[in-house]
N, C-alpha and C. Protein backbone atom coordinates (compact mmCIF):
# COMPACT_ATOMS: atom_id res chain seq x y z
N MET A 1 0.73 -1.12 -0.01
CA MET A 1 -0.15 0.04 0.24
C MET A 1 0.95 1.25 0.14
N LEU A 2 2.01 1.40 0.52
CA LEU A 2 2.74 2.22 0.90
C LEU A 2 3.47 2.61 -0.43
N LYS A 3 3.55 1.61 -1.21
CA LYS A 3 4.25 1.80 -2.53
C LYS A 3 3.31 2.56 -3.63
N PHE A 4 2.12 2.29 -3.41
CA PHE A 4 0.84 2.96 -4.24
C PHE A 4 0.70 4.16 -3.95
N VAL A 5 0.95 4.55 -2.91
CA VAL A 5 0.79 6.00 -2.30
C VAL A 5 1.72 6.88 -2.99
N LYS A 6 3.26 6.52 -3.01
CA LYS A 6 4.27 6.88 -3.71
C LYS A 6 4.07 7.06 -5.03
N ILE A 7 3.45 5.96 -5.92
CA ILE A 7 3.51 5.95 -7.28
C ILE A 7 2.06 6.89 -7.63
N LEU A 8 1.29 7.00 -6.86
CA LEU A 8 0.11 7.70 -7.31
C LEU A 8 0.28 9.13 -7.75
N PRO A 9 1.06 9.76 -6.99
CA PRO A 9 1.34 11.37 -7.22
C PRO A 9 1.95 11.54 -8.55
N LEU A 10 2.93 10.47 -8.83
CA LEU A 10 3.65 10.43 -9.88
C LEU A 10 2.89 10.23 -11.25
N ALA A 11 2.16 9.41 -11.08
CA ALA A 11 1.27 8.83 -12.07
C ALA A 11 0.15 10.11 -12.47
N LEU A 12 -0.46 10.71 -11.22
CA LEU A 12 -1.03 11.66 -11.64
C LEU A 12 -0.40 12.78 -12.34
N LEU A 13 0.64 13.36 -12.02
CA LEU A 13 1.42 14.33 -12.78
C LEU A 13 1.99 13.77 -13.90
N VAL A 14 2.01 12.89 -14.25
CA VAL A 14 2.31 12.41 -15.73
C VAL A 14 1.17 12.38 -16.57
N LEU A 15 -0.02 12.06 -15.97
CA LEU A 15 -1.38 11.90 -16.42
C LEU A 15 -1.71 13.50 -17.13
N PHE A 16 -1.43 14.42 -15.99
CA PHE A 16 -1.90 15.96 -16.19
C PHE A 16 -1.02 16.48 -17.28
N VAL A 17 0.35 16.22 -17.22
CA VAL A 17 1.36 16.74 -18.24
C VAL A 17 1.10 16.08 -19.54
N SER A 18 0.44 14.92 -19.73
CA SER A 18 0.31 14.31 -21.09
C SER A 18 -1.10 15.07 -21.68
N ALA A 19 -1.78 15.19 -20.66
CA ALA A 19 -3.37 15.83 -21.12
C ALA A 19 -2.90 17.12 -21.58
N CYS A 20 -2.19 18.07 -21.05
CA CYS A 20 -1.71 19.56 -21.33
C CYS A 20 -0.91 19.53 -22.47
N SER A 21 -0.53 18.50 -23.13
CA SER A 21 0.47 18.53 -24.35
C SER A 21 -0.70 18.31 -25.66
N SER A 22 -1.78 17.97 -25.54
CA SER A 22 -2.73 18.24 -26.45
C SER A 22 -3.40 19.20 -26.91
N VAL A 23 -2.98 20.19 -25.79
CA VAL A 23 -3.83 21.72 -26.02
C VAL A 23 -2.73 22.73 -26.77
N LYS A 24 -3.07 23.24 -27.72
CA LYS A 24 -2.15 24.17 -28.41
C LYS A 24 -2.12 25.47 -27.62
N LEU A 25 -1.14 26.00 -27.09
CA LEU A 25 -1.41 27.08 -26.21
C LEU A 25 -1.29 28.47 -27.27
N ASP A 26 -0.25 28.38 -28.29
CA ASP A 26 -0.32 29.31 -29.14
C ASP A 26 0.17 29.20 -30.53
N ASP A 27 -0.01 29.75 -31.42
CA ASP A 27 0.55 29.57 -32.70
C ASP A 27 0.86 30.83 -33.55
N ALA A 28 2.28 31.19 -33.73
CA ALA A 28 2.54 32.37 -33.84
C ALA A 28 2.38 32.43 -35.41
N ASN A 29 1.72 31.85 -36.31
CA ASN A 29 1.53 32.14 -37.75
C ASN A 29 -0.01 32.52 -38.00
N SER A 30 -0.69 32.21 -36.77
CA SER A 30 -2.34 32.43 -37.09
C SER A 30 -2.72 33.03 -35.74
N VAL A 31 -2.64 34.46 -35.69
CA VAL A 31 -3.42 35.04 -34.58
C VAL A 31 -4.56 35.75 -34.90
N ALA A 32 -5.55 35.33 -34.26
CA ALA A 32 -7.02 36.00 -34.50
C ALA A 32 -7.69 36.93 -33.21
N THR A 33 -8.12 37.83 -33.65
CA THR A 33 -8.94 38.61 -32.74
C THR A 33 -10.04 38.03 -32.32
N VAL A 34 -10.67 38.47 -31.19
CA VAL A 34 -11.83 38.10 -30.48
C VAL A 34 -12.94 39.63 -30.43
N ASN A 35 -13.90 39.41 -30.97
CA ASN A 35 -14.79 40.73 -30.81
C ASN A 35 -16.36 40.27 -30.13
N ALA A 36 -16.97 41.18 -29.54
CA ALA A 36 -18.14 40.81 -29.04
C ALA A 36 -19.16 40.16 -29.80
N GLY A 37 -18.94 40.41 -31.10
CA GLY A 37 -19.95 39.74 -31.98
C GLY A 37 -19.79 38.47 -32.61
N GLY A 38 -18.75 37.94 -32.11
CA GLY A 38 -18.45 36.45 -32.19
C GLY A 38 -17.67 36.07 -33.67
N SER A 39 -17.65 37.24 -34.40
CA SER A 39 -17.09 37.19 -35.96
C SER A 39 -15.82 38.12 -36.07
N MET A 40 -14.89 37.67 -36.90
CA MET A 40 -13.63 38.63 -37.12
C MET A 40 -14.36 39.58 -38.07
N SER A 41 -13.87 41.03 -38.00
CA SER A 41 -14.23 42.02 -39.01
C SER A 41 -13.07 42.95 -39.27
N TYR A 42 -13.36 43.92 -40.28
CA TYR A 42 -12.22 44.83 -40.51
C TYR A 42 -12.59 45.98 -40.26
N ASP A 43 -11.78 46.92 -39.51
CA ASP A 43 -12.56 48.12 -38.98
C ASP A 43 -11.59 49.14 -39.65
N PRO A 44 -12.23 49.71 -40.67
CA PRO A 44 -11.11 50.80 -41.34
C PRO A 44 -10.96 52.08 -40.40
N ILE A 45 -11.65 52.50 -39.46
CA ILE A 45 -11.37 53.49 -38.83
C ILE A 45 -9.92 53.30 -38.03
N SER A 46 -9.50 51.97 -37.84
CA SER A 46 -8.58 51.92 -37.06
C SER A 46 -7.04 51.37 -38.05
N ASP A 47 -7.30 51.57 -39.08
CA ASP A 47 -6.56 51.04 -40.22
C ASP A 47 -5.87 52.31 -41.09
N PRO A 48 -4.63 52.73 -40.76
CA PRO A 48 -3.89 53.74 -41.32
C PRO A 48 -4.01 53.96 -42.82
N LYS A 49 -4.15 52.62 -43.69
CA LYS A 49 -4.38 52.76 -45.01
C LYS A 49 -5.80 53.04 -45.27
N SER A 50 -6.59 53.13 -44.43
CA SER A 50 -7.86 53.37 -45.06
C SER A 50 -8.39 54.86 -45.49
N SER A 51 -9.42 55.09 -46.18
CA SER A 51 -9.72 56.49 -46.48
C SER A 51 -10.12 57.22 -45.52
N VAL A 52 -10.65 56.78 -44.47
CA VAL A 52 -11.16 57.50 -43.35
C VAL A 52 -10.19 57.53 -42.04
N TYR A 53 -9.07 57.03 -42.09
CA TYR A 53 -8.15 56.97 -40.93
C TYR A 53 -7.54 58.40 -41.09
N GLY A 54 -7.66 58.97 -39.91
CA GLY A 54 -6.86 60.32 -39.89
C GLY A 54 -7.66 61.57 -40.37
N LYS A 55 -8.68 61.17 -40.96
CA LYS A 55 -9.62 62.51 -41.47
C LYS A 55 -10.67 62.47 -40.78
N ARG A 56 -10.59 63.12 -39.56
CA ARG A 56 -11.66 63.20 -38.74
C ARG A 56 -12.24 64.49 -38.60
N SER A 57 -11.67 65.53 -39.20
CA SER A 57 -12.09 66.89 -38.92
C SER A 57 -12.56 67.50 -40.40
N ILE A 58 -13.27 68.47 -40.15
CA ILE A 58 -13.84 69.31 -41.46
C ILE A 58 -13.70 70.65 -41.01
N TYR A 59 -13.19 71.52 -41.70
CA TYR A 59 -12.63 72.83 -41.38
C TYR A 59 -13.74 73.85 -42.17
N PHE A 60 -14.07 74.72 -41.57
CA PHE A 60 -14.72 76.02 -41.83
C PHE A 60 -14.12 77.46 -42.05
N GLU A 61 -14.64 78.27 -42.96
CA GLU A 61 -14.36 79.44 -42.92
C GLU A 61 -14.85 80.26 -41.79
N PHE A 62 -14.29 81.52 -41.47
CA PHE A 62 -14.72 82.31 -40.43
C PHE A 62 -16.19 82.41 -40.53
N ASP A 63 -17.21 82.33 -39.53
CA ASP A 63 -18.48 82.69 -39.39
C ASP A 63 -19.15 81.88 -40.56
N SER A 64 -18.99 80.86 -40.61
CA SER A 64 -19.60 80.34 -41.84
C SER A 64 -19.74 78.57 -41.21
N TYR A 65 -20.87 77.98 -41.82
CA TYR A 65 -21.03 76.76 -41.84
C TYR A 65 -21.60 75.77 -42.82
N THR A 66 -21.08 76.33 -43.80
CA THR A 66 -21.05 75.75 -45.41
C THR A 66 -19.77 75.02 -45.56
N ILE A 67 -20.02 73.69 -46.04
CA ILE A 67 -19.15 72.87 -46.08
C ILE A 67 -18.45 73.08 -47.42
N ASP A 68 -17.12 73.00 -47.17
CA ASP A 68 -16.10 73.34 -48.22
C ASP A 68 -16.17 72.17 -49.32
N PRO A 69 -16.41 72.22 -50.45
CA PRO A 69 -16.56 71.07 -51.73
C PRO A 69 -15.15 70.28 -51.32
N LYS A 70 -13.85 70.82 -50.88
CA LYS A 70 -12.62 69.92 -50.87
C LYS A 70 -13.15 68.55 -49.72
N TYR A 71 -14.12 68.83 -48.88
CA TYR A 71 -14.23 67.92 -47.99
C TYR A 71 -15.20 66.78 -48.45
N ALA A 72 -15.65 66.85 -49.77
CA ALA A 72 -16.78 65.70 -50.17
C ALA A 72 -16.12 64.47 -50.09
N SER A 73 -15.11 64.27 -50.32
CA SER A 73 -14.48 62.71 -50.44
C SER A 73 -14.28 62.29 -48.90
N THR A 74 -13.93 63.33 -47.99
CA THR A 74 -13.76 62.80 -46.82
C THR A 74 -15.24 62.37 -46.00
N ILE A 75 -16.19 63.34 -46.29
CA ILE A 75 -17.72 63.05 -45.99
C ILE A 75 -18.30 61.66 -46.45
N SER A 76 -17.85 61.58 -47.82
CA SER A 76 -18.25 60.29 -48.65
C SER A 76 -17.38 59.19 -47.84
N ALA A 77 -16.24 59.19 -47.67
CA ALA A 77 -15.76 57.90 -47.02
C ALA A 77 -16.44 57.63 -45.29
N HIS A 78 -16.61 58.72 -44.70
CA HIS A 78 -17.24 58.27 -43.55
C HIS A 78 -18.77 57.84 -43.77
N ALA A 79 -19.33 58.36 -44.65
CA ALA A 79 -20.69 58.01 -45.00
C ALA A 79 -20.79 56.33 -45.36
N SER A 80 -19.54 56.11 -46.10
CA SER A 80 -19.47 54.72 -46.71
C SER A 80 -19.18 53.63 -45.44
N TYR A 81 -18.10 54.20 -44.52
CA TYR A 81 -17.99 53.46 -43.40
C TYR A 81 -19.20 53.25 -42.38
N LEU A 82 -20.01 54.24 -42.19
CA LEU A 82 -21.16 54.04 -41.44
C LEU A 82 -22.08 53.36 -41.89
N LYS A 83 -22.50 53.22 -43.34
CA LYS A 83 -23.33 52.60 -43.81
C LYS A 83 -22.85 50.89 -43.77
N ALA A 84 -21.64 50.95 -43.91
CA ALA A 84 -21.00 49.17 -44.00
C ALA A 84 -21.02 48.86 -42.68
N PHE A 85 -20.99 49.57 -41.65
CA PHE A 85 -20.94 48.96 -40.31
C PHE A 85 -22.27 49.44 -39.59
N GLN A 86 -23.38 49.39 -40.46
CA GLN A 86 -24.63 49.92 -39.70
C GLN A 86 -25.15 48.70 -38.62
N LYS A 87 -24.89 47.35 -39.30
CA LYS A 87 -25.58 46.26 -38.61
C LYS A 87 -24.64 46.14 -37.20
N GLN A 88 -23.47 46.57 -37.20
CA GLN A 88 -22.46 46.41 -36.01
C GLN A 88 -22.57 47.70 -35.19
N LYS A 89 -23.53 48.27 -35.51
CA LYS A 89 -24.22 49.57 -34.68
C LYS A 89 -23.21 50.84 -34.78
N ALA A 90 -22.23 50.94 -35.97
CA ALA A 90 -21.27 52.03 -35.87
C ALA A 90 -21.99 53.34 -35.62
N SER A 91 -21.50 54.15 -34.85
CA SER A 91 -22.04 55.65 -34.89
C SER A 91 -21.22 56.52 -34.57
N VAL A 92 -21.50 58.14 -34.71
CA VAL A 92 -20.46 59.05 -34.52
C VAL A 92 -21.04 59.97 -34.04
N ILE A 93 -20.38 60.81 -33.16
CA ILE A 93 -20.91 62.10 -32.54
C ILE A 93 -20.06 63.15 -33.21
N ILE A 94 -20.61 63.99 -33.96
CA ILE A 94 -20.03 65.30 -34.95
C ILE A 94 -20.01 66.32 -33.86
N GLN A 95 -18.81 66.71 -33.69
CA GLN A 95 -18.59 67.83 -32.65
C GLN A 95 -18.45 69.06 -33.29
N GLY A 96 -19.30 70.16 -32.94
CA GLY A 96 -18.90 71.46 -33.63
C GLY A 96 -18.03 72.26 -32.87
N ASN A 97 -17.29 73.08 -33.55
CA ASN A 97 -16.31 73.83 -32.89
C ASN A 97 -16.16 75.12 -33.33
N THR A 98 -15.79 76.15 -32.76
CA THR A 98 -15.42 77.61 -33.25
C THR A 98 -14.10 78.28 -32.71
N ASP A 99 -13.46 79.04 -33.24
CA ASP A 99 -12.73 80.05 -32.65
C ASP A 99 -13.08 80.79 -31.59
N ASP A 100 -12.33 81.26 -30.75
CA ASP A 100 -12.78 81.99 -29.67
C ASP A 100 -13.31 83.46 -29.63
N ARG A 101 -13.28 83.83 -30.85
CA ARG A 101 -13.98 85.03 -31.20
C ARG A 101 -15.58 85.16 -31.21
N GLY A 102 -16.21 86.15 -30.58
CA GLY A 102 -17.66 86.21 -30.22
C GLY A 102 -18.02 85.61 -29.02
N THR A 103 -19.14 85.71 -28.78
CA THR A 103 -19.73 85.45 -27.56
C THR A 103 -19.88 83.97 -27.36
N ALA A 104 -20.06 83.34 -26.12
CA ALA A 104 -20.14 81.88 -25.95
C ALA A 104 -21.56 81.52 -26.65
N GLU A 105 -22.52 82.29 -26.57
CA GLU A 105 -23.74 81.64 -27.05
C GLU A 105 -23.91 81.76 -28.80
N TYR A 106 -22.98 82.77 -29.16
CA TYR A 106 -23.06 82.80 -30.49
C TYR A 106 -22.37 81.51 -30.99
N ASN A 107 -21.16 81.39 -30.25
CA ASN A 107 -20.27 80.22 -30.87
C ASN A 107 -20.91 78.65 -30.59
N LEU A 108 -21.61 78.57 -29.42
CA LEU A 108 -22.37 77.54 -29.46
C LEU A 108 -23.43 77.14 -30.61
N ALA A 109 -23.75 78.17 -30.95
CA ALA A 109 -24.99 78.08 -32.05
C ALA A 109 -24.23 77.85 -33.28
N LEU A 110 -23.14 78.68 -33.74
CA LEU A 110 -22.49 78.23 -34.86
C LEU A 110 -21.83 76.84 -34.67
N GLY A 111 -21.34 76.29 -33.67
CA GLY A 111 -20.75 75.14 -33.60
C GLY A 111 -21.90 74.17 -33.74
N GLN A 112 -23.02 74.35 -33.36
CA GLN A 112 -24.39 73.41 -33.61
C GLN A 112 -24.60 73.50 -35.03
N LYS A 113 -24.68 74.48 -35.96
CA LYS A 113 -24.69 74.68 -37.44
C LYS A 113 -23.84 74.16 -37.99
N ARG A 114 -22.52 73.94 -37.64
CA ARG A 114 -21.33 73.09 -38.18
C ARG A 114 -21.71 71.60 -38.16
N SER A 115 -22.32 71.32 -36.68
CA SER A 115 -22.32 69.94 -36.82
C SER A 115 -23.40 69.21 -37.49
N GLU A 116 -24.60 70.09 -37.41
CA GLU A 116 -25.82 69.65 -38.27
C GLU A 116 -25.66 69.72 -39.75
N ALA A 117 -24.56 70.67 -40.10
CA ALA A 117 -24.52 70.54 -41.69
C ALA A 117 -23.81 69.29 -42.20
N ILE A 118 -23.03 68.89 -41.19
CA ILE A 118 -22.04 67.32 -41.54
C ILE A 118 -23.17 66.42 -41.57
N LYS A 119 -24.03 66.48 -40.45
CA LYS A 119 -25.14 65.29 -40.18
C LYS A 119 -25.82 65.38 -41.43
N LYS A 120 -26.40 66.53 -41.73
CA LYS A 120 -27.35 66.33 -43.15
C LYS A 120 -26.36 66.03 -44.54
N ALA A 121 -25.30 66.28 -44.37
CA ALA A 121 -24.52 65.85 -45.64
C ALA A 121 -24.53 64.25 -45.65
N LEU A 122 -24.11 63.78 -44.33
CA LEU A 122 -24.09 62.37 -44.11
C LEU A 122 -25.34 61.56 -44.43
N ILE A 123 -26.37 62.04 -43.90
CA ILE A 123 -27.77 61.54 -44.16
C ILE A 123 -28.02 61.42 -45.72
N SER A 124 -27.77 62.74 -46.59
CA SER A 124 -28.08 62.78 -47.73
C SER A 124 -27.31 61.47 -48.65
N GLN A 125 -26.31 60.92 -48.16
CA GLN A 125 -25.62 59.92 -48.74
C GLN A 125 -26.05 58.69 -48.11
N GLY A 126 -27.18 58.65 -47.43
CA GLY A 126 -27.68 57.45 -47.28
C GLY A 126 -27.39 56.75 -45.63
N VAL A 127 -26.80 57.68 -44.87
CA VAL A 127 -26.24 57.22 -43.46
C VAL A 127 -27.71 57.34 -42.75
N SER A 128 -28.02 56.37 -41.82
CA SER A 128 -29.03 56.22 -41.01
C SER A 128 -29.12 57.37 -39.65
N GLU A 129 -30.14 58.26 -39.71
CA GLU A 129 -30.27 59.08 -38.71
C GLU A 129 -29.82 58.60 -37.13
N PRO A 130 -30.25 57.56 -36.85
CA PRO A 130 -29.73 56.92 -35.42
C PRO A 130 -28.25 56.63 -35.11
N GLN A 131 -27.73 56.68 -36.26
CA GLN A 131 -26.22 56.68 -36.00
C GLN A 131 -25.51 57.97 -35.85
N LEU A 132 -26.07 58.98 -36.09
CA LEU A 132 -25.48 60.16 -36.01
C LEU A 132 -25.94 60.89 -34.72
N GLU A 133 -25.15 61.77 -34.07
CA GLU A 133 -25.50 62.73 -33.19
C GLU A 133 -24.35 63.95 -33.32
N ALA A 134 -25.32 65.23 -33.57
CA ALA A 134 -24.74 66.33 -33.79
C ALA A 134 -24.67 67.36 -32.26
N VAL A 135 -23.28 67.79 -31.86
CA VAL A 135 -23.35 68.43 -30.75
C VAL A 135 -22.22 69.64 -31.04
N SER A 136 -22.32 70.79 -29.99
CA SER A 136 -21.30 71.74 -30.26
C SER A 136 -20.80 71.86 -28.91
N PHE A 137 -19.35 72.32 -29.02
CA PHE A 137 -18.72 72.90 -28.04
C PHE A 137 -18.32 74.36 -28.11
N GLY A 138 -18.54 74.94 -29.18
CA GLY A 138 -18.54 76.13 -29.48
C GLY A 138 -16.93 76.59 -29.38
N LYS A 139 -16.36 77.41 -28.51
CA LYS A 139 -14.98 77.77 -28.32
C LYS A 139 -14.60 77.12 -27.28
N GLU A 140 -15.20 76.20 -26.49
CA GLU A 140 -14.50 75.16 -25.43
C GLU A 140 -13.46 74.39 -25.46
N LYS A 141 -13.52 73.74 -26.88
CA LYS A 141 -12.45 72.65 -27.05
C LYS A 141 -11.31 73.34 -28.24
N PRO A 142 -10.52 74.03 -27.87
CA PRO A 142 -9.79 74.65 -29.19
C PRO A 142 -8.76 73.74 -29.28
N GLU A 143 -8.52 73.37 -30.61
CA GLU A 143 -7.13 72.22 -31.02
C GLU A 143 -6.15 73.22 -30.88
N ASN A 144 -6.12 74.40 -30.87
CA ASN A 144 -4.87 75.40 -30.86
C ASN A 144 -5.21 76.40 -30.13
N PRO A 145 -4.57 76.96 -29.08
CA PRO A 145 -5.14 78.05 -28.03
C PRO A 145 -4.47 79.16 -28.23
N ALA A 146 -3.56 79.29 -29.18
CA ALA A 146 -3.00 80.30 -29.60
C ALA A 146 -3.89 81.52 -30.24
N GLN A 147 -3.41 82.83 -30.22
CA GLN A 147 -4.54 83.89 -30.62
C GLN A 147 -3.86 84.37 -32.15
N THR A 148 -3.88 83.49 -32.94
CA THR A 148 -3.32 83.77 -34.10
C THR A 148 -4.38 83.29 -35.15
N GLU A 149 -4.04 84.00 -36.43
CA GLU A 149 -5.05 83.44 -37.80
C GLU A 149 -4.96 81.98 -37.96
N GLU A 150 -3.76 81.40 -37.87
CA GLU A 150 -3.44 79.88 -38.16
C GLU A 150 -4.20 79.09 -36.92
N ALA A 151 -4.08 79.44 -35.68
CA ALA A 151 -4.76 78.80 -34.82
C ALA A 151 -6.49 79.03 -34.96
N PHE A 152 -7.02 80.05 -35.29
CA PHE A 152 -8.40 80.27 -35.57
C PHE A 152 -8.78 79.27 -36.72
N LYS A 153 -7.93 79.18 -37.65
CA LYS A 153 -8.51 78.16 -38.57
C LYS A 153 -8.55 77.04 -38.24
N GLU A 154 -7.44 76.39 -37.22
CA GLU A 154 -7.65 75.02 -36.60
C GLU A 154 -8.92 74.87 -35.78
N ASN A 155 -9.27 75.85 -35.28
CA ASN A 155 -10.38 75.81 -34.20
C ASN A 155 -11.62 75.81 -34.93
N ARG A 156 -11.89 76.23 -36.20
CA ARG A 156 -13.21 76.26 -36.79
C ARG A 156 -13.47 75.00 -37.39
N ARG A 157 -14.04 73.90 -36.77
CA ARG A 157 -14.03 72.67 -37.35
C ARG A 157 -15.20 71.94 -36.84
N ALA A 158 -15.54 70.73 -37.47
CA ALA A 158 -16.45 69.93 -36.85
C ALA A 158 -15.61 68.50 -36.90
N ASP A 159 -15.54 67.84 -35.57
CA ASP A 159 -14.78 66.41 -35.67
C ASP A 159 -15.64 65.27 -35.39
N PHE A 160 -15.14 64.42 -36.06
CA PHE A 160 -16.09 62.90 -35.95
C PHE A 160 -15.17 62.11 -34.76
N VAL A 161 -16.29 61.82 -33.85
CA VAL A 161 -15.86 60.82 -32.84
C VAL A 161 -16.53 59.60 -32.93
N TYR A 162 -15.81 58.67 -33.22
CA TYR A 162 -16.95 57.29 -33.20
C TYR A 162 -16.84 56.76 -31.80
N LYS A 163 -18.23 56.24 -31.57
CA LYS A 163 -18.62 55.63 -30.49
C LYS A 163 -18.24 54.18 -30.44
């Protein structure tokens, strides 16, 4: 019986180690990511090679909420992304901003008009309205706090912030 008690732990250790050897711990050649949806998917927002990566702002002229035609491709790229990922509940907050000239109330209203203009442009390209939220920060979130014309241009914008 004493011999059996000495051999039992050794036998269990051998059994445990042999069972673990059938489990593949990692495979350097195929790494998969897991997401909540249970399927693998490509997200262009995170891909530096995509048409929407890094293009998260639309800039405006002084005292204007008219979208410059040079931003048509940026808006179109975001519209395509939002439509393609509608089932995954892709959504964006469009944040309107202004430079710090003018009153707080005026700038909040102007920032809202800028974000609403972008929202309307996205809806006109087929994006579902529930995917979009337009808000204004007015002059409260400057990109560049300097008091130069160049800084003012950087602050007159609407930003895409994906949720």
